[in-house]
């Protein structure tokens, strides 16, 4: 099978339905599956053979999506979840238990920061936030209980490219895998090529592209030696009481280097139940088919929007991966982002919070939406929405200021996008008049 993304998204994992001949993967909208015999059922439950047992754990429609995205990212296997947040949580909790810690970049989406700093803290898992501008900060924060590193490829909302290879190299020296959220940069970045061990996506975003469905996915790179660093990963190298004492690195060895993703499926997904619905998997498969084409259009339009806004008198600063003035950030963007700099553009208005709100309220075509990656252009004011639950200091560390506006640039005609931005900027320059 071809390794080219345009072909992978159309052909990997499914050729035709064996019963009907359907070219499009059918929606297997079922909870459960008929066993061939009691022996067959027992073997499935004991993991002596693999197959469908219950849709909370696996489903044929979802399996096509998993195989297709694993191939797209260059991984060995994948696990679909009910949301991107669930994928992030599972990716870490799969190897990080109470009393453990993980080191994470400060450059994060606000919801991820809240998950790490608050919810996971209540579970006894410590998130150690470090500035990724210096990769050595990850080494300095690592100790014997550090189980993984975490980062976003293209940090939302700073839009800095993360130093994947540099941090992955430090992690491999210390026996710590790097987990990368590649939601904002599918197609244009392949974190496994730079040493990442695990990749996650919110499929809700660019993979779907249509804004109809919520989902997430974890991809196992199959490139991290969990046995070599057994002291860090007892959950993969010691008997698991929830599966008759299975030692995951040994139990699935004949199937390849998939211990990490199998454990996530048969323990976390089984027990916590954050399964993707078959219908949503079907919807993501439809979006995935055009992802390479859409990402090209997103990147082209975003570059044009950033260039246009950089000349506007109301705009204080442009935040775009292709327009960084810092030499190191320019280098990282060139190394890690190929074929474009992503579809996200941030800009800071000179008049701060009030101007940001007036701009959002003045948009006509562009949607005011808490999402990214739709085919349509979206805008939001993070300080009052996505990052509003963070303290002022935390907002500053993630790159959010009072006047910051984030755009997810869509694939509409560029002239129409710019026209709506211009009229909203003009109206944001002065307070909107209240209706009498």
Foldseek 3Di string as FASTA:
>chain_A
DDLDLLVLLQDPPAQADPPPRHRADDQPQDFADDAPDPVRVVCCLLVVDHDTGGVLQPDSLLQRLFRSVLSQLQADTKAKFQALLVQVVLLQCLFAAAPAEEEEELQAFQVNCCCQPPVVVVRNYHYHYDHQVPLCRRVVPDDLRYAAYEYECQRPPLRFGGPLLSNLVSCLVVQHAYEYEDAQARPQFNSVVRRHAKYKYFLCAQLLQANPGTMMMMGGRLPGDCPVPVSNGVSQAWFDPVNVGDRQCPPCVVVGSCSSVVSSSPPVSVPVSRGHRSVRSSSSSVSSSCSVVFFLLLQVLQVVLQVVVVPDPQWDDKRFQCDDPDPVSVVSQVVGGHNGSGNKIKTFTPVFQQLQVQLQVQFDQEDDDPGARHLAKYKYQCCVPRNVVPDPVSCVSNPHTRRMMMMRHHNDPSVVVVVRNVRSNVRSVDDDDDDD
